[in-house]
Amino acid sequence: MTASPSVTLLVPRAFNADTLAELGETYRVLRCEDGAIDALPAEARAAVRGVAVAGRFADADMAALPNLEIIAHFGVGYDGVDAWAAARRGIMVTNTPDVLTEEVADTTLGLLINTVRELPQAEAYLRAGRWTERPYRLTPNTLRGRHVGIMGLGRIGLAIARRLEAFGLTIAYHNRSPRGDVAYAYHPDLIGLATAVDTLIVAAPGGAATNGAVNAEVLKALGPDGVLINIGRGSVVDEPALVAALQDGTIAGAGLDVFAREPHVPDALLALPNAVLLPHVASASRATRRAMGRLVLANLDSWFAGRPVPNPVPETIDVAPPRG
């Protein structure tokens, strides 16, 4: 079995342009930019053997594609893909780990410094011509002496921690279980971590297990000097509770690259002077996105060649390519 233009690949919704062009060199690419897969002609849906997707792909989408074999997700977090449903249907799901780790970790440190030292606000002050009136205020917060807690010490969380070490900061973490390869203080629950630190970085995946985990109680435990940074998933943070905490001084500030209902950001968050907000760009350099695209292609090519895929997600690790 070999990959060839005879293999039809569905790409629903928006997708990385560089990767889309590369996919078109190997596969017959079918677009469905509005995501209405069930509206495609039955003959077209029956021809689809693979899907390349960035974002959501539900059980109902799989049901509409009777000969679907593999869903190649563009991104390391795949909580938008119903991987358990795919496993039940014998459909492989892959993701793109590792290649975006360093870029996301770099962005996290930049977001943390911007939030603590108010660099975007200071630039806006200069651009508005206000420096000629008086200097920008002394920032009430600093990175010096901070104690940082990381929620999710996986590949990205660990890369963030290594960078924080270079800044001379104290690090602790919360995972489902402790790691045996680090000396950072481990906290079995998020409240304990938030109580022990003044800076909380969310690098955890989305999904039911983490939905709304950073709630009002956690934010209160973080304290009035507390800073929240989220580069994981917007669903991990209770957004209304965060808005309230920023408004009433429960915490000092927040830096967010992800939101609960992307690309929609609540007006209340946009209005806050102590929030630094980015449009989900942590891995969004062209070089990193191209590397992610190469993993998408590697997973697809391996599958259709009958070889083990490089990056199966845990839910579908036992799914095997069809014979023939």
Protein backbone atom coordinates (compact mmCIF):
# COMPACT_ATOMS: atom_id res chain seq x y z
CA MET A 1 0.00 0.00 0.00
CA THR A 2 1.52 3.36 -1.00
CA ALA A 3 0.40 6.94 -0.74
CA SER A 4 -0.56 8.42 -4.09
CA PRO A 5 -2.88 10.97 -5.68
CA SER A 6 -5.47 8.18 -5.74
CA VAL A 7 -5.88 8.65 -1.97
CA THR A 8 -8.50 11.29 -1.17
CA LEU A 9 -7.77 13.45 1.84
CA LEU A 10 -10.36 15.77 3.36
CA VAL A 11 -9.20 19.09 4.83
CA PRO A 12 -12.13 20.70 6.66
CA ARG A 13 -12.08 24.33 7.76
CA ALA A 14 -9.04 26.62 7.70
CA PHE A 15 -5.63 24.97 7.48
CA ASN A 16 -1.97 25.97 7.32
CA ALA A 17 -1.25 27.14 3.76
CA ASP A 18 2.26 25.65 3.49
CA THR A 19 1.07 22.25 4.66
CA LEU A 20 -1.99 22.36 2.43
CA ALA A 21 0.23 22.91 -0.61
CA GLU A 22 2.46 19.98 0.39
CA LEU A 23 -0.53 17.72 0.94
CA GLY A 24 -1.68 18.53 -2.58
CA GLU A 25 1.58 17.16 -3.99
CA THR A 26 0.84 13.69 -2.63
CA TYR A 27 -2.91 13.39 -2.15
CA ARG A 28 -6.14 14.30 -3.86
CA VAL A 29 -7.24 17.05 -1.46
CA LEU A 30 -10.92 17.71 -0.88
CA ARG A 31 -11.74 20.99 0.87
CA CYS A 32 -14.70 21.70 3.09
CA GLU A 33 -13.92 25.09 4.56
CA ASP A 34 -17.30 25.57 6.24
CA GLY A 35 -16.92 22.27 8.09
CA ALA A 36 -20.28 20.97 6.83
CA ILE A 37 -19.00 17.49 6.00
CA ASP A 38 -22.43 15.86 5.86
CA ALA A 39 -23.40 18.34 3.13
CA LEU A 40 -20.77 16.92 0.74
CA PRO A 41 -22.03 14.54 -1.95
CA ALA A 42 -22.19 10.93 -0.76
CA GLU A 43 -19.74 9.84 -3.47
CA ALA A 44 -17.15 12.39 -2.31
CA ARG A 45 -17.56 11.40 1.33
CA ALA A 46 -17.16 7.72 0.47
CA ALA A 47 -13.86 8.45 -1.29
CA VAL A 48 -12.25 10.05 1.79
CA ARG A 49 -9.69 7.81 3.50
CA GLY A 50 -7.85 10.43 5.53
CA VAL A 51 -8.49 13.77 7.21
CA ALA A 52 -5.99 16.53 7.99
CA VAL A 53 -7.51 18.89 10.52
CA ALA A 54 -6.57 21.72 12.86
CA GLY A 55 -9.22 21.91 15.56
CA ARG A 56 -12.51 20.10 16.01
CA PHE A 57 -13.45 16.76 14.53
CA ALA A 58 -16.42 15.06 16.17
CA ASP A 59 -17.89 11.56 16.11
CA ALA A 60 -20.62 12.84 13.78
CA ASP A 61 -17.95 13.97 11.31
CA MET A 62 -16.43 10.48 11.35
CA ALA A 63 -19.85 8.92 10.85
CA ALA A 64 -20.27 10.98 7.67
CA LEU A 65 -17.11 9.43 6.17
CA PRO A 66 -17.73 5.66 5.85
CA ASN A 67 -14.21 4.78 4.65
CA LEU A 68 -12.20 7.05 6.92
CA GLU A 69 -8.98 5.45 8.21
CA ILE A 70 -6.91 8.24 9.79
CA ILE A 71 -7.30 11.72 11.29
CA ALA A 72 -3.99 13.61 11.21
CA HIS A 73 -4.32 16.49 13.65
CA PHE A 74 -2.22 19.62 13.11
CA GLY A 75 -1.18 20.46 16.67
CA VAL A 76 -0.07 18.73 19.82
CA GLY A 77 -3.32 19.28 21.75
CA TYR A 78 -6.08 17.22 20.15
CA ASP A 79 -8.92 17.69 22.64
CA GLY A 80 -11.14 18.90 19.78
CA VAL A 81 -10.92 15.45 18.18
CA ASP A 82 -13.10 12.72 19.67
CA ALA A 83 -10.25 10.24 19.88
CA TRP A 84 -12.20 7.63 21.85
CA ALA A 85 -14.91 7.63 19.19
CA ALA A 86 -12.19 7.21 16.57
CA ALA A 87 -10.75 4.25 18.48
CA ARG A 88 -14.16 2.58 18.60
CA ARG A 89 -14.48 3.04 14.85
CA GLY A 90 -10.96 1.71 14.17
CA ILE A 91 -9.74 5.12 13.00
CA MET A 92 -6.19 6.24 13.77
CA VAL A 93 -5.62 9.70 15.26
CA THR A 94 -2.20 11.38 15.20
CA ASN A 95 -0.85 14.70 16.45
CA THR A 96 2.33 16.78 16.11
CA PRO A 97 4.29 16.76 19.39
CA ASP A 98 7.85 17.94 20.07
CA VAL A 99 8.35 20.23 17.05
CA LEU A 100 6.45 23.13 18.65
CA THR A 101 7.79 22.67 22.20
CA GLU A 102 10.60 25.22 22.07
CA GLU A 103 8.58 27.86 20.24
CA VAL A 104 5.73 27.64 22.74
CA ALA A 105 8.15 27.75 25.68
CA ASP A 106 9.82 30.85 24.21
CA THR A 107 6.46 32.56 23.80
CA THR A 108 5.48 31.65 27.36
CA LEU A 109 8.49 33.44 28.80
CA GLY A 110 7.81 36.45 26.59
CA LEU A 111 4.18 36.52 27.73
CA LEU A 112 5.22 36.24 31.37
CA ILE A 113 7.69 39.14 31.12
CA ASN A 114 5.19 41.27 29.19
CA THR A 115 2.55 40.65 31.83
CA VAL A 116 4.74 41.29 34.87
CA ARG A 117 6.58 44.33 33.45
CA GLU A 118 3.66 45.77 31.41
CA LEU A 119 5.73 46.03 28.24
CA PRO A 120 2.77 46.18 25.79
CA GLN A 121 1.19 48.94 27.89
CA ALA A 122 4.49 50.83 28.02
CA GLU A 123 4.84 50.63 24.24
CA ALA A 124 1.28 51.88 23.76
CA TYR A 125 2.10 54.75 26.14
CA LEU A 126 5.11 55.71 24.01
CA ARG A 127 3.21 55.43 20.72
CA ALA A 128 0.46 57.65 22.08
CA GLY A 129 3.06 60.38 22.63
CA ARG A 130 2.63 60.38 26.40
CA TRP A 131 6.35 59.91 27.21
CA THR A 132 6.86 63.60 26.42
CA GLU A 133 4.46 64.40 29.27
CA ARG A 134 6.01 62.13 31.92
CA PRO A 135 7.82 58.77 32.16
CA TYR A 136 5.81 55.57 32.23
CA ARG A 137 4.97 54.51 35.75
CA LEU A 138 7.19 52.19 37.79
CA THR A 139 5.73 48.73 37.37
CA PRO A 140 4.37 47.38 40.66
CA ASN A 141 5.39 43.84 39.74
CA THR A 142 8.69 42.22 38.84
CA LEU A 143 9.94 38.80 37.81
CA ARG A 144 12.61 38.93 40.51
CA GLY A 145 11.99 36.63 43.46
CA ARG A 146 8.92 34.99 41.99
CA HIS A 147 7.87 31.43 42.78
CA VAL A 148 6.44 29.77 39.69
CA GLY A 149 4.04 26.85 39.57
CA ILE A 150 3.50 24.94 36.33
CA MET A 151 0.25 23.08 35.75
CA GLY A 152 1.21 20.34 33.32
CA LEU A 153 4.89 19.39 33.38
CA GLY A 154 4.90 17.56 30.06
CA ARG A 155 7.20 18.35 27.13
CA ILE A 156 6.19 22.00 26.95
CA GLY A 157 5.93 22.48 30.70
CA LEU A 158 9.41 21.07 31.19
CA ALA A 159 10.87 23.32 28.47
CA ILE A 160 9.28 26.30 30.24
CA ALA A 161 10.74 25.16 33.56
CA ARG A 162 14.26 24.93 32.12
CA ARG A 163 13.98 28.50 30.89
CA LEU A 164 12.69 29.67 34.26
CA GLU A 165 15.68 28.05 35.93
CA ALA A 166 17.94 30.25 33.83
CA PHE A 167 16.04 33.27 35.22
CA GLY A 168 16.89 32.11 38.74
CA LEU A 169 13.28 31.42 39.73
CA THR A 170 11.92 28.78 42.09
CA ILE A 171 9.75 26.17 40.35
CA ALA A 172 7.02 23.80 41.52
CA TYR A 173 4.47 21.81 39.53
CA HIS A 174 1.21 19.89 39.48
CA ASN A 175 0.64 16.80 37.34
CA ARG A 176 -1.62 13.79 37.65
CA SER A 177 1.46 12.06 39.09
CA PRO A 178 4.98 13.19 40.06
CA ARG A 179 7.87 12.94 37.62
CA GLY A 180 10.92 10.99 38.66
CA ASP A 181 13.37 13.01 36.57
CA VAL A 182 13.03 16.49 38.15
CA ALA A 183 13.79 17.97 41.56
CA TYR A 184 11.00 20.57 41.46
CA ALA A 185 8.49 20.49 44.32
CA TYR A 186 5.44 18.42 43.41
CA HIS A 187 1.90 19.29 44.50
CA PRO A 188 -0.79 16.62 44.10
CA ASP A 189 -3.57 19.22 43.82
CA LEU A 190 -3.88 22.56 42.12
CA ILE A 191 -4.96 24.45 45.24
CA GLY A 192 -1.78 23.35 46.99
CA LEU A 193 0.32 24.52 44.06
CA ALA A 194 -1.43 27.91 43.84
CA THR A 195 -1.00 28.43 47.59
CA ALA A 196 2.75 27.74 47.37
CA VAL A 197 3.49 30.06 44.42
CA ASP A 198 2.70 33.56 43.16
CA THR A 199 2.89 32.77 39.44
CA LEU A 200 0.85 30.00 37.83
CA ILE A 201 1.60 28.86 34.28
CA VAL A 202 -0.99 26.63 32.65
CA ALA A 203 0.58 24.21 30.17
CA ALA A 204 -2.06 21.50 30.56
CA PRO A 205 -4.23 20.02 27.81
CA GLY A 206 -7.95 20.62 27.55
CA GLY A 207 -10.68 18.06 28.06
CA ALA A 208 -13.09 17.00 30.79
CA ALA A 209 -10.35 16.34 33.35
CA THR A 210 -9.08 19.94 33.30
CA ASN A 211 -12.21 21.88 32.35
CA GLY A 212 -12.48 24.95 34.60
CA ALA A 213 -9.71 23.65 36.88
CA VAL A 214 -8.30 27.14 37.45
CA ASN A 215 -11.34 28.47 39.26
CA ALA A 216 -12.09 31.23 41.78
CA GLU A 217 -10.66 29.17 44.64
CA VAL A 218 -7.36 28.59 42.83
CA LEU A 219 -7.08 32.26 41.88
CA LYS A 220 -7.72 33.32 45.47
CA ALA A 221 -4.99 30.94 46.63
CA LEU A 222 -2.59 32.54 44.12
CA GLY A 223 -2.98 35.83 45.99
CA PRO A 224 -2.93 39.57 45.29
CA ASP A 225 0.60 39.48 43.83
CA GLY A 226 -0.36 36.51 41.70
CA VAL A 227 0.05 36.27 37.95
CA LEU A 228 -1.67 33.70 35.75
CA ILE A 229 -0.21 32.71 32.37
CA ASN A 230 -2.18 30.35 30.11
CA ILE A 231 -0.65 28.84 26.98
CA GLY A 232 -2.43 25.47 27.40
CA ARG A 233 -6.13 25.53 26.62
CA GLY A 234 -8.69 28.23 27.31
CA SER A 235 -11.09 25.67 28.76
CA VAL A 236 -8.74 25.03 31.70
CA VAL A 237 -9.49 28.49 33.16
CA ASP A 238 -12.88 29.62 34.44
CA GLU A 239 -13.00 32.85 32.41
CA PRO A 240 -15.72 34.67 34.40
CA ALA A 241 -13.85 33.87 37.63
CA LEU A 242 -10.62 35.17 36.08
CA VAL A 243 -12.27 38.42 34.97
CA ALA A 244 -13.63 38.95 38.47
CA ALA A 245 -10.23 38.19 40.04
CA LEU A 246 -8.49 40.72 37.78
CA GLN A 247 -11.16 43.35 38.36
CA ASP A 248 -11.18 43.16 42.15
CA GLY A 249 -7.44 42.63 42.74
CA THR A 250 -7.67 39.00 43.81
CA ILE A 251 -4.65 38.55 41.50
CA ALA A 252 -2.34 41.15 39.99
CA GLY A 253 -2.41 40.18 36.31
CA ALA A 254 -2.84 37.60 33.61
CA GLY A 255 -1.22 36.77 30.28
CA LEU A 256 -3.38 34.67 27.98
CA ASP A 257 -2.70 33.10 24.60
CA VAL A 258 -5.78 30.89 24.68
CA PHE A 259 -9.46 31.47 25.41
CA ALA A 260 -12.61 29.48 26.06
CA ARG A 261 -14.44 30.43 22.83
CA GLU A 262 -11.73 31.25 20.32
CA PRO A 263 -11.54 33.47 18.36
CA HIS A 264 -14.08 35.30 20.54
CA VAL A 265 -12.60 37.07 23.56
CA PRO A 266 -14.97 38.49 26.20
CA ASP A 267 -15.28 42.28 26.18
CA ALA A 268 -14.67 42.24 29.93
CA LEU A 269 -11.21 40.72 29.34
CA LEU A 270 -10.42 43.17 26.55
CA ALA A 271 -11.20 46.07 28.87
CA LEU A 272 -8.80 44.99 31.61
CA PRO A 273 -5.54 46.99 31.89
CA ASN A 274 -3.85 44.16 33.83
CA ALA A 275 -4.31 41.50 31.15
CA VAL A 276 -1.98 40.83 28.22
CA LEU A 277 -3.87 39.02 25.46
CA LEU A 278 -2.49 37.18 22.42
CA PRO A 279 -4.48 35.55 19.57
CA HIS A 280 -3.27 31.95 20.14
CA VAL A 281 0.14 32.49 18.58
CA ALA A 282 2.44 30.52 20.89
CA SER A 283 3.60 28.19 18.10
CA ALA A 284 2.75 30.53 15.25
CA SER A 285 6.05 31.03 13.52
CA ARG A 286 6.22 29.88 9.93
CA ALA A 287 9.20 27.65 10.69
CA THR A 288 7.40 25.83 13.50
CA ARG A 289 4.15 25.47 11.58
CA ARG A 290 6.08 24.00 8.65
CA ALA A 291 7.68 21.49 11.02
CA MET A 292 4.23 20.60 12.34
CA GLY A 293 3.04 20.15 8.77
CA ARG A 294 5.90 17.76 8.06
CA LEU A 295 4.72 15.59 10.94
CA VAL A 296 1.18 15.62 9.55
CA LEU A 297 2.59 14.39 6.24
CA ALA A 298 4.83 11.81 7.93
CA ASN A 299 1.88 10.36 9.81
CA LEU A 300 -0.29 10.19 6.69
CA ASP A 301 2.46 8.79 4.49
CA SER A 302 3.35 6.09 7.01
CA TRP A 303 -0.28 5.07 7.43
CA PHE A 304 -1.02 4.74 3.74
CA ALA A 305 2.26 2.88 3.22
CA GLY A 306 1.17 0.36 5.85
CA ARG A 307 3.85 1.38 8.36
CA PRO A 308 3.39 2.36 12.03
CA VAL A 309 2.65 6.07 12.32
CA PRO A 310 5.24 8.20 14.17
CA ASN A 311 2.76 10.03 16.41
CA PRO A 312 -0.34 8.04 17.36
CA VAL A 313 -2.35 9.49 20.25
CA PRO A 314 -2.75 7.13 23.23
CA GLU A 315 -6.44 6.43 22.59
CA THR A 316 -5.74 4.94 19.14
CA ILE A 317 -2.29 3.45 19.62
CA ASP A 318 -3.60 -0.08 18.96
CA VAL A 319 -5.40 0.82 15.71
CA ALA A 320 -3.66 -0.90 12.78
CA PRO A 321 -3.67 0.06 9.09
CA PRO A 322 -6.06 -1.95 6.93
CA ARG A 323 -4.49 -4.74 4.89
CA GLY A 324 -4.50 -4.73 1.13
